[in-house]
PDB file of N, CA and C in Angstrom:
ATOM      1  N   UNK A   1      12.044   7.289 -10.779  1.00  0.00           N
ATOM      2  CA  UNK A   1      12.345   7.474  -9.366  1.00  0.00           C
ATOM      3  C   UNK A   1      11.099   7.855  -8.573  1.00  0.00           C
ATOM      4  N   UNK A   2      10.024   8.228  -9.251  1.00  0.00           N
ATOM      5  CA  UNK A   2       8.810   8.623  -8.556  1.00  0.00           C
ATOM      6  C   UNK A   2       7.686   7.618  -8.666  1.00  0.00           C
ATOM      7  N   UNK A   3       7.959   6.418  -9.219  1.00  0.00           N
ATOM      8  CA  UNK A   3       6.920   5.399  -9.387  1.00  0.00           C
ATOM      9  C   UNK A   3       7.218   4.204  -8.485  1.00  0.00           C
ATOM     10  N   UNK A   4       6.217   3.780  -7.722  1.00  0.00           N
ATOM     11  CA  UNK A   4       6.364   2.659  -6.795  1.00  0.00           C
ATOM     12  C   UNK A   4       6.524   1.361  -7.577  1.00  0.00           C
ATOM     13  N   UNK A   5       7.495   0.554  -7.157  1.00  0.00           N
ATOM     14  CA  UNK A   5       7.706  -0.765  -7.743  1.00  0.00           C
ATOM     15  C   UNK A   5       7.155  -1.856  -6.834  1.00  0.00           C
ATOM     16  N   UNK A   6       7.538  -1.827  -5.556  1.00  0.00           N
ATOM     17  CA  UNK A   6       7.077  -2.803  -4.573  1.00  0.00           C
ATOM     18  C   UNK A   6       6.610  -2.086  -3.322  1.00  0.00           C
ATOM     19  N   UNK A   7       5.640  -2.708  -2.646  1.00  0.00           N
ATOM     20  CA  UNK A   7       5.048  -2.123  -1.451  1.00  0.00           C
ATOM     21  C   UNK A   7       5.110  -3.146  -0.326  1.00  0.00           C
ATOM     22  N   UNK A   8       5.437  -2.677   0.858  1.00  0.00           N
ATOM     23  CA  UNK A   8       5.331  -3.543   2.033  1.00  0.00           C
ATOM     24  C   UNK A   8       3.876  -3.966   2.142  1.00  0.00           C
ATOM     25  N   UNK A   9       3.616  -5.251   2.149  1.00  0.00           N
ATOM     26  CA  UNK A   9       2.245  -5.748   2.066  1.00  0.00           C
ATOM     27  C   UNK A   9       1.933  -6.709   3.202  1.00  0.00           C
ATOM     28  N   UNK A  10       1.458  -6.202   4.338  1.00  0.00           N
ATOM     29  CA  UNK A  10       1.098  -7.091   5.434  1.00  0.00           C
ATOM     30  C   UNK A  10      -0.157  -7.882   5.084  1.00  0.00           C
ATOM     31  N   UNK A  11      -0.117  -9.180   5.301  1.00  0.00           N
ATOM     32  CA  UNK A  11      -1.257 -10.044   5.008  1.00  0.00           C
ATOM     33  C   UNK A  11      -1.112 -11.334   5.789  1.00  0.00           C
ATOM     34  N   UNK A  12      -2.216 -11.954   6.085  1.00  0.00           N
ATOM     35  CA  UNK A  12      -2.141 -13.246   6.779  1.00  0.00           C
ATOM     36  C   UNK A  12      -1.483 -14.295   5.914  1.00  0.00           C
ATOM     37  N   UNK A  13      -1.445 -14.089   4.591  1.00  0.00           N
ATOM     38  CA  UNK A  13      -0.945 -15.120   3.704  1.00  0.00           C
ATOM     39  C   UNK A  13       0.503 -14.920   3.289  1.00  0.00           C
ATOM     40  N   UNK A  14       1.130 -13.825   3.647  1.00  0.00           N
ATOM     41  CA  UNK A  14       2.514 -13.647   3.217  1.00  0.00           C
ATOM     42  C   UNK A  14       3.463 -13.478   4.398  1.00  0.00           C
ATOM     43  N   UNK A  15       3.181 -14.131   5.512  1.00  0.00           N
ATOM     44  CA  UNK A  15       4.107 -14.089   6.627  1.00  0.00           C
ATOM     45  C   UNK A  15       5.441 -14.642   6.153  1.00  0.00           C
ATOM     46  N   UNK A  16       6.496 -14.028   6.560  1.00  0.00           N
ATOM     47  CA  UNK A  16       7.850 -14.356   6.116  1.00  0.00           C
ATOM     48  C   UNK A  16       8.041 -14.126   4.625  1.00  0.00           C
ATOM     49  N   UNK A  17       7.081 -13.536   3.966  1.00  0.00           N
ATOM     50  CA  UNK A  17       7.227 -13.151   2.580  1.00  0.00           C
ATOM     51  C   UNK A  17       7.164 -14.266   1.557  1.00  0.00           C
ATOM     52  N   UNK A  18       6.684 -15.470   1.923  1.00  0.00           N
ATOM     53  CA  UNK A  18       6.786 -16.549   0.966  1.00  0.00           C
ATOM     54  C   UNK A  18       5.486 -16.916   0.259  1.00  0.00           C
ATOM     55  N   UNK A  19       4.389 -16.294   0.553  1.00  0.00           N
ATOM     56  CA  UNK A  19       3.127 -16.682  -0.055  1.00  0.00           C
ATOM     57  C   UNK A  19       2.430 -15.457  -0.635  1.00  0.00           C
ATOM     58  N   UNK A  20       1.604 -15.660  -1.662  1.00  0.00           N
ATOM     59  CA  UNK A  20       0.872 -14.551  -2.280  1.00  0.00           C
ATOM     60  C   UNK A  20       0.032 -13.836  -1.232  1.00  0.00           C
ATOM     61  N   UNK A  21      -0.469 -12.630  -1.414  1.00  0.00           N
ATOM     62  CA  UNK A  21      -0.220 -11.811  -2.592  1.00  0.00           C
ATOM     63  C   UNK A  21       1.115 -11.094  -2.510  1.00  0.00           C
ATOM     64  N   UNK A  22       1.739 -10.934  -3.620  1.00  0.00           N
ATOM     65  CA  UNK A  22       3.022 -10.252  -3.678  1.00  0.00           C
ATOM     66  C   UNK A  22       2.867  -8.914  -4.392  1.00  0.00           C
ATOM     67  N   UNK A  23       1.671  -8.367  -4.365  1.00  0.00           N
ATOM     68  CA  UNK A  23       1.419  -7.089  -5.020  1.00  0.00           C
ATOM     69  C   UNK A  23       0.405  -6.317  -4.201  1.00  0.00           C
ATOM     70  N   UNK A  24       0.288  -5.049  -4.472  1.00  0.00           N
ATOM     71  CA  UNK A  24      -0.701  -4.219  -3.810  1.00  0.00           C
ATOM     72  C   UNK A  24      -1.410  -3.392  -4.866  1.00  0.00           C
ATOM     73  N   UNK A  25      -2.731  -3.371  -4.809  1.00  0.00           N
ATOM     74  CA  UNK A  25      -3.516  -2.637  -5.794  1.00  0.00           C
ATOM     75  C   UNK A  25      -3.713  -1.180  -5.413  1.00  0.00           C
ATOM     76  N   UNK A  26      -3.357  -0.800  -4.205  1.00  0.00           N
ATOM     77  CA  UNK A  26      -3.518   0.583  -3.791  1.00  0.00           C
ATOM     78  C   UNK A  26      -3.433   0.715  -2.292  1.00  0.00           C
ATOM     79  N   UNK A  27      -3.527   1.934  -1.807  1.00  0.00           N
ATOM     80  CA  UNK A  27      -3.387   2.158  -0.370  1.00  0.00           C
ATOM     81  C   UNK A  27      -4.529   1.603   0.464  1.00  0.00           C
ATOM     82  N   UNK A  28      -5.774   1.716  -0.022  1.00  0.00           N
ATOM     83  CA  UNK A  28      -6.902   1.223   0.763  1.00  0.00           C
ATOM     84  C   UNK A  28      -7.826   0.399  -0.106  1.00  0.00           C
ATOM     85  N   UNK A  29      -8.442  -0.595   0.509  1.00  0.00           N
ATOM     86  CA  UNK A  29      -9.337  -1.493  -0.211  1.00  0.00           C
ATOM     87  C   UNK A  29     -10.736  -0.918  -0.316  1.00  0.00           C
ATOM     88  N   UNK A  30     -11.424  -1.296  -1.375  1.00  0.00           N
ATOM     89  CA  UNK A  30     -12.829  -0.922  -1.511  1.00  0.00           C
ATOM     90  C   UNK A  30     -13.724  -2.075  -1.090  1.00  0.00           C
ATOM     91  N   UNK A  31     -13.150  -3.220  -0.806  1.00  0.00           N
ATOM     92  CA  UNK A  31     -13.907  -4.387  -0.363  1.00  0.00           C
ATOM     93  C   UNK A  31     -13.044  -5.260   0.507  1.00  0.00           C
ATOM     94  N   UNK A  32     -13.537  -6.432   0.814  1.00  0.00           N
ATOM     95  CA  UNK A  32     -12.798  -7.366   1.670  1.00  0.00           C
ATOM     96  C   UNK A  32     -11.738  -8.081   0.832  1.00  0.00           C
ATOM     97  N   UNK A  33     -10.565  -7.522   0.781  1.00  0.00           N
ATOM     98  CA  UNK A  33      -9.488  -8.087  -0.017  1.00  0.00           C
ATOM     99  C   UNK A  33      -8.178  -7.901   0.716  1.00  0.00           C
ATOM    100  N   UNK A  34      -7.259  -8.837   0.545  1.00  0.00           N
ATOM    101  CA  UNK A  34      -5.957  -8.651   1.172  1.00  0.00           C
ATOM    102  C   UNK A  34      -4.904  -8.316   0.126  1.00  0.00           C
ATOM    103  N   UNK A  35      -5.322  -7.744  -0.996  1.00  0.00           N
ATOM    104  CA  UNK A  35      -4.371  -7.256  -1.993  1.00  0.00           C
ATOM    105  C   UNK A  35      -4.249  -5.741  -1.915  1.00  0.00           C
ATOM    106  N   UNK A  36      -4.579  -5.195  -0.781  1.00  0.00           N
ATOM    107  CA  UNK A  36      -4.426  -3.774  -0.498  1.00  0.00           C
ATOM    108  C   UNK A  36      -3.627  -3.642   0.787  1.00  0.00           C
ATOM    109  N   UNK A  37      -3.146  -2.431   1.048  1.00  0.00           N
ATOM    110  CA  UNK A  37      -2.397  -2.234   2.281  1.00  0.00           C
ATOM    111  C   UNK A  37      -3.301  -2.197   3.497  1.00  0.00           C
ATOM    112  N   UNK A  38      -4.406  -1.487   3.426  1.00  0.00           N
ATOM    113  CA  UNK A  38      -5.326  -1.375   4.552  1.00  0.00           C
ATOM    114  C   UNK A  38      -6.754  -1.368   4.031  1.00  0.00           C
ATOM    115  N   UNK A  39      -7.697  -1.725   4.872  1.00  0.00           N
ATOM    116  CA  UNK A  39      -9.104  -1.646   4.507  1.00  0.00           C
ATOM    117  C   UNK A  39      -9.644  -0.274   4.866  1.00  0.00           C
ATOM    118  N   UNK A  40     -10.744   0.080   4.234  1.00  0.00           N
ATOM    119  CA  UNK A  40     -11.384   1.351   4.529  1.00  0.00           C
ATOM    120  C   UNK A  40     -11.844   1.387   5.979  1.00  0.00           C
ATOM    121  N   UNK A  41     -11.891   2.583   6.576  1.00  0.00           N
ATOM    122  CA  UNK A  41     -12.410   2.684   7.947  1.00  0.00           C
ATOM    123  C   UNK A  41     -13.814   2.089   8.020  1.00  0.00           C
ATOM    124  N   UNK A  42     -14.077   1.342   9.064  1.00  0.00           N
ATOM    125  CA  UNK A  42     -15.382   0.715   9.239  1.00  0.00           C
ATOM    126  C   UNK A  42     -15.513  -0.646   8.582  1.00  0.00           C
ATOM    127  N   UNK A  43     -14.446  -1.124   7.938  1.00  0.00           N
ATOM    128  CA  UNK A  43     -14.481  -2.429   7.283  1.00  0.00           C
ATOM    129  C   UNK A  43     -14.669  -3.522   8.319  1.00  0.00           C
ATOM    130  N   UNK A  44     -15.349  -4.585   7.912  1.00  0.00           N
ATOM    131  CA  UNK A  44     -15.533  -5.733   8.804  1.00  0.00           C
ATOM    132  C   UNK A  44     -14.575  -6.871   8.460  1.00  0.00           C
ATOM    133  N   UNK A  45     -13.593  -6.616   7.614  1.00  0.00           N
ATOM    134  CA  UNK A  45     -12.632  -7.651   7.230  1.00  0.00           C
ATOM    135  C   UNK A  45     -11.876  -8.146   8.450  1.00  0.00           C
ATOM    136  N   UNK A  46     -11.723  -9.454   8.547  1.00  0.00           N
ATOM    137  CA  UNK A  46     -10.945 -10.036   9.646  1.00  0.00           C
ATOM    138  C   UNK A  46      -9.520 -10.328   9.200  1.00  0.00           C
ATOM    139  N   UNK A  47      -9.178  -9.989   7.948  1.00  0.00           N
ATOM    140  CA  UNK A  47      -7.863 -10.300   7.402  1.00  0.00           C
ATOM    141  C   UNK A  47      -6.980  -9.071   7.286  1.00  0.00           C
ATOM    142  N   UNK A  48      -7.359  -7.966   7.893  1.00  0.00           N
ATOM    143  CA  UNK A  48      -6.647  -6.720   7.663  1.00  0.00           C
ATOM    144  C   UNK A  48      -5.463  -6.558   8.600  1.00  0.00           C
ATOM    145  N   UNK A  49      -4.331  -7.114   8.203  1.00  0.00           N
ATOM    146  CA  UNK A  49      -3.112  -6.965   8.965  1.00  0.00           C
ATOM    147  C   UNK A  49      -2.425  -5.645   8.649  1.00  0.00           C
ATOM    148  N   UNK A  50      -2.803  -4.996   7.552  1.00  0.00           N
ATOM    149  CA  UNK A  50      -2.194  -3.734   7.150  1.00  0.00           C
ATOM    150  C   UNK A  50      -2.389  -2.629   8.154  1.00  0.00           C
ATOM    151  N   UNK A  51      -3.604  -2.501   8.715  1.00  0.00           N
ATOM    152  CA  UNK A  51      -3.858  -1.443   9.688  1.00  0.00           C
ATOM    153  C   UNK A  51      -2.959  -1.585  10.897  1.00  0.00           C
ATOM    154  N   UNK A  52      -2.757  -2.818  11.367  1.00  0.00           N
ATOM    155  CA  UNK A  52      -1.892  -3.038  12.527  1.00  0.00           C
ATOM    156  C   UNK A  52      -0.443  -2.688  12.206  1.00  0.00           C
ATOM    157  N   UNK A  53       0.052  -3.148  11.072  1.00  0.00           N
ATOM    158  CA  UNK A  53       1.445  -2.871  10.701  1.00  0.00           C
ATOM    159  C   UNK A  53       1.662  -1.385  10.462  1.00  0.00           C
ATOM    160  N   UNK A  54       0.675  -0.711   9.893  1.00  0.00           N
ATOM    161  CA  UNK A  54       0.777   0.727   9.631  1.00  0.00           C
ATOM    162  C   UNK A  54       1.002   1.487  10.944  1.00  0.00           C
ATOM    163  N   UNK A  55       0.287   1.101  11.971  1.00  0.00           N
ATOM    164  CA  UNK A  55       0.446   1.739  13.273  1.00  0.00           C
ATOM    165  C   UNK A  55       1.801   1.463  13.906  1.00  0.00           C
ATOM    166  N   UNK A  56       2.350   0.282  13.673  1.00  0.00           N
ATOM    167  CA  UNK A  56       3.656  -0.068  14.242  1.00  0.00           C
ATOM    168  C   UNK A  56       4.801   0.706  13.602  1.00  0.00           C
ATOM    169  N   UNK A  57       4.598   1.178  12.380  1.00  0.00           N
ATOM    170  CA  UNK A  57       5.643   1.899  11.637  1.00  0.00           C
ATOM    171  C   UNK A  57       5.444   3.414  11.679  1.00  0.00           C
ATOM    172  N   UNK A  58       4.937   3.937  12.769  1.00  0.00           N
ATOM    173  CA  UNK A  58       4.694   5.386  12.888  1.00  0.00           C
ATOM    174  C   UNK A  58       3.826   5.911  11.742  1.00  0.00           C
ATOM    175  N   UNK A  59       2.795   5.143  11.398  1.00  0.00           N
ATOM    176  CA  UNK A  59       1.863   5.496  10.316  1.00  0.00           C
ATOM    177  C   UNK A  59       2.583   5.628   8.982  1.00  0.00           C
ATOM    178  N   UNK A  60       3.453   4.658   8.664  1.00  0.00           N
ATOM    179  CA  UNK A  60       4.183   4.638   7.398  1.00  0.00           C
ATOM    180  C   UNK A  60       4.334   3.194   6.922  1.00  0.00           C
ATOM    181  N   UNK A  61       4.457   3.042   5.599  1.00  0.00           N
ATOM    182  CA  UNK A  61       4.837   1.772   4.988  1.00  0.00           C
ATOM    183  C   UNK A  61       6.133   1.987   4.235  1.00  0.00           C
ATOM    184  N   UNK A  62       6.845   0.906   3.973  1.00  0.00           N
ATOM    185  CA  UNK A  62       8.082   0.964   3.191  1.00  0.00           C
ATOM    186  C   UNK A  62       7.763   0.761   1.717  1.00  0.00           C
ATOM    187  N   UNK A  63       8.347   1.605   0.859  1.00  0.00           N
ATOM    188  CA  UNK A  63       8.115   1.548  -0.585  1.00  0.00           C
ATOM    189  C   UNK A  63       9.457   1.444  -1.299  1.00  0.00           C
ATOM    190  N   UNK A  64       9.532   0.555  -2.297  1.00  0.00           N
ATOM    191  CA  UNK A  64      10.687   0.448  -3.179  1.00  0.00           C
ATOM    192  C   UNK A  64      10.287   1.064  -4.508  1.00  0.00           C
ATOM    193  N   UNK A  65      11.118   1.974  -5.016  1.00  0.00           N
ATOM    194  CA  UNK A  65      10.824   2.677  -6.259  1.00  0.00           C
ATOM    195  C   UNK A  65      11.613   2.076  -7.414  1.00  0.00           C
ATOM    196  N   UNK A  66      11.177   2.382  -8.639  1.00  0.00           N
ATOM    197  CA  UNK A  66      11.786   1.807  -9.838  1.00  0.00           C
ATOM    198  C   UNK A  66      13.276   2.109  -9.965  1.00  0.00           C
ATOM    199  N   UNK A  67      13.749   3.191  -9.378  1.00  0.00           N
ATOM    200  CA  UNK A  67      15.181   3.498  -9.480  1.00  0.00           C
ATOM    201  C   UNK A  67      16.006   2.806  -8.400  1.00  0.00           C
ATOM    202  N   UNK A  68      15.349   2.004  -7.534  1.00  0.00           N
ATOM    203  CA  UNK A  68      16.062   1.242  -6.521  1.00  0.00           C
ATOM    204  C   UNK A  68      16.094   1.866  -5.136  1.00  0.00           C
ATOM    205  N   UNK A  69      15.625   3.100  -4.966  1.00  0.00           N
ATOM    206  CA  UNK A  69      15.643   3.685  -3.627  1.00  0.00           C
ATOM    207  C   UNK A  69      14.384   3.292  -2.861  1.00  0.00           C
ATOM    208  N   UNK A  70      14.473   3.346  -1.551  1.00  0.00           N
ATOM    209  CA  UNK A  70      13.336   3.044  -0.694  1.00  0.00           C
ATOM    210  C   UNK A  70      12.994   4.255   0.151  1.00  0.00           C
ATOM    211  N   UNK A  71      11.732   4.340   0.535  1.00  0.00           N
ATOM    212  CA  UNK A  71      11.277   5.399   1.427  1.00  0.00           C
ATOM    213  C   UNK A  71      10.189   4.849   2.335  1.00  0.00           C
ATOM    214  N   UNK A  72      10.153   5.328   3.557  1.00  0.00           N
ATOM    215  CA  UNK A  72       9.055   5.042   4.475  1.00  0.00           C
ATOM    216  C   UNK A  72       8.130   6.248   4.423  1.00  0.00           C
ATOM    217  N   UNK A  73       6.931   6.058   3.881  1.00  0.00           N
ATOM    218  CA  UNK A  73       6.012   7.172   3.643  1.00  0.00           C
ATOM    219  C   UNK A  73       4.638   6.885   4.230  1.00  0.00           C
ATOM    220  N   UNK A  74       3.949   7.955   4.595  1.00  0.00           N
ATOM    221  CA  UNK A  74       2.541   7.832   4.929  1.00  0.00           C
ATOM    222  C   UNK A  74       1.782   7.593   3.635  1.00  0.00           C
ATOM    223  N   UNK A  75       0.689   6.837   3.718  1.00  0.00           N
ATOM    224  CA  UNK A  75      -0.083   6.527   2.511  1.00  0.00           C
ATOM    225  C   UNK A  75      -0.496   7.793   1.770  1.00  0.00           C
ATOM    226  N   UNK A  76      -0.876   8.809   2.530  1.00  0.00           N
ATOM    227  CA  UNK A  76      -1.328  10.062   1.911  1.00  0.00           C
ATOM    228  C   UNK A  76      -0.242  10.719   1.079  1.00  0.00           C
ATOM    229  N   UNK A  77       1.014  10.442   1.380  1.00  0.00           N
ATOM    230  CA  UNK A  77       2.124  11.026   0.626  1.00  0.00           C
ATOM    231  C   UNK A  77       2.309  10.368  -0.732  1.00  0.00           C
ATOM    232  N   UNK A  78       1.652   9.250  -0.992  1.00  0.00           N
ATOM    233  CA  UNK A  78       1.881   8.495  -2.224  1.00  0.00           C
ATOM    234  C   UNK A  78       0.826   8.719  -3.290  1.00  0.00           C
ATOM    235  N   UNK A  79      -0.267   9.398  -2.981  1.00  0.00           N
ATOM    236  CA  UNK A  79      -1.416   9.413  -3.889  1.00  0.00           C
ATOM    237  C   UNK A  79      -1.470  10.594  -4.844  1.00  0.00           C
ATOM    238  N   UNK A  80      -0.579  11.549  -4.734  1.00  0.00           N
ATOM    239  CA  UNK A  80      -0.577  12.694  -5.649  1.00  0.00           C
ATOM    240  C   UNK A  80      -1.885  13.449  -5.622  1.00  0.00           C
ATOM    241  N   UNK A  81      -2.489  13.650  -6.794  1.00  0.00           N
ATOM    242  CA  UNK A  81      -3.756  14.387  -6.895  1.00  0.00           C
ATOM    243  C   UNK A  81      -4.964  13.508  -6.604  1.00  0.00           C
ATOM    244  N   UNK A  82      -4.724  12.198  -6.396  1.00  0.00           N
ATOM    245  CA  UNK A  82      -5.822  11.284  -6.107  1.00  0.00           C
ATOM    246  C   UNK A  82      -6.119  11.231  -4.617  1.00  0.00           C
ATOM    247  N   UNK A  83      -6.759  10.146  -4.209  1.00  0.00           N
ATOM    248  CA  UNK A  83      -7.018   9.924  -2.787  1.00  0.00           C
ATOM    249  C   UNK A  83      -6.695   8.462  -2.474  1.00  0.00           C
ATOM    250  N   UNK A  84      -6.940   8.016  -1.256  1.00  0.00           N
ATOM    251  CA  UNK A  84      -6.527   6.672  -0.852  1.00  0.00           C
ATOM    252  C   UNK A  84      -7.296   5.575  -1.583  1.00  0.00           C
ATOM    253  N   UNK A  85      -8.512   5.869  -2.049  1.00  0.00           N
ATOM    254  CA  UNK A  85      -9.270   4.867  -2.792  1.00  0.00           C
ATOM    255  C   UNK A  85      -9.039   4.959  -4.299  1.00  0.00           C
ATOM    256  N   UNK A  86      -8.567   6.086  -4.795  1.00  0.00           N
ATOM    257  CA  UNK A  86      -8.295   6.295  -6.218  1.00  0.00           C
ATOM    258  C   UNK A  86      -6.944   6.986  -6.340  1.00  0.00           C
ATOM    259  N   UNK A  87      -5.864   6.245  -6.058  1.00  0.00           N
ATOM    260  CA  UNK A  87      -4.546   6.879  -6.015  1.00  0.00           C
ATOM    261  C   UNK A  87      -4.031   7.265  -7.391  1.00  0.00           C
ATOM    262  N   UNK A  88      -3.249   8.303  -7.415  1.00  0.00           N
ATOM    263  CA  UNK A  88      -2.524   8.713  -8.605  1.00  0.00           C
ATOM    264  C   UNK A  88      -1.096   8.939  -8.136  1.00  0.00           C
ATOM    265  N   UNK A  89      -0.388   9.857  -8.701  1.00  0.00           N
ATOM    266  CA  UNK A  89       0.955  10.133  -8.212  1.00  0.00           C
ATOM    267  C   UNK A  89       1.875   8.933  -8.326  1.00  0.00           C
ATOM    268  N   UNK A  90       2.444   8.479  -7.230  1.00  0.00           N
ATOM    269  CA  UNK A  90       3.433   7.407  -7.235  1.00  0.00           C
ATOM    270  C   UNK A  90       2.852   6.056  -7.656  1.00  0.00           C
ATOM    271  N   UNK A  91       1.544   5.901  -7.629  1.00  0.00           N
ATOM    272  CA  UNK A  91       0.894   4.645  -8.002  1.00  0.00           C
ATOM    273  C   UNK A  91       0.727   4.500  -9.501  1.00  0.00           C
ATOM    274  N   UNK A  92       0.903   5.574 -10.258  1.00  0.00           N
ATOM    275  CA  UNK A  92       0.680   5.531 -11.702  1.00  0.00           C
ATOM    276  C   UNK A  92       2.003   5.463 -12.433  1.00  0.00           C
ATOM    277  N   UNK A  93       2.046   4.698 -13.517  1.00  0.00           N
ATOM    278  CA  UNK A  93       3.261   4.570 -14.300  1.00  0.00           C
ATOM    279  C   UNK A  93       3.490   5.831 -15.116  1.00  0.00           C
ATOM    280  N   UNK A  94       2.443   6.374 -15.708  1.00  0.00           N
ATOM    281  CA  UNK A  94       2.541   7.601 -16.509  1.00  0.00           C
ATOM    282  C   UNK A  94       1.652   8.660 -15.873  1.00  0.00           C
ATOM    283  N   UNK A  95       2.246   9.790 -15.524  1.00  0.00           N
ATOM    284  CA  UNK A  95       1.498  10.861 -14.881  1.00  0.00           C
ATOM    285  C   UNK A  95       1.192  11.977 -15.872  1.00  0.00           C
ATOM    286  N   UNK A  96      -0.036  12.453 -15.822  1.00  0.00           N
ATOM    287  CA  UNK A  96      -0.418  13.584 -16.651  1.00  0.00           C
ATOM    288  C   UNK A  96      -0.561  14.833 -15.825  1.00  0.00           C
ATOM    289  N   UNK A  97      -0.676  15.966 -16.495  1.00  0.00           N
ATOM    290  CA  UNK A  97      -0.837  17.242 -15.773  1.00  0.00           C
ATOM    291  C   UNK A  97      -2.283  17.514 -15.451  1.00  0.00           C
TER     292      UNK A  97
END
């Protein structure tokens, strides 16, 4: 119930949800990639639809968890002891102490 299964993934390539990428590698990208939710501040990526969608949702994305429940959370709420570039918490399948 605490592990993310699917993430709302805004991208130029998945409008209407029918084209890849259908996964997210983490809350923020370390490079120019559209397999992340948002790019790092100061990024020059022209494909970053995540930042725009994040603002439209009161600074939240929708997350589906392995137990079937959904939550609208701020990215910072999902990373546990990690950070936006190195998430832990809900992004990890097995959590350690």
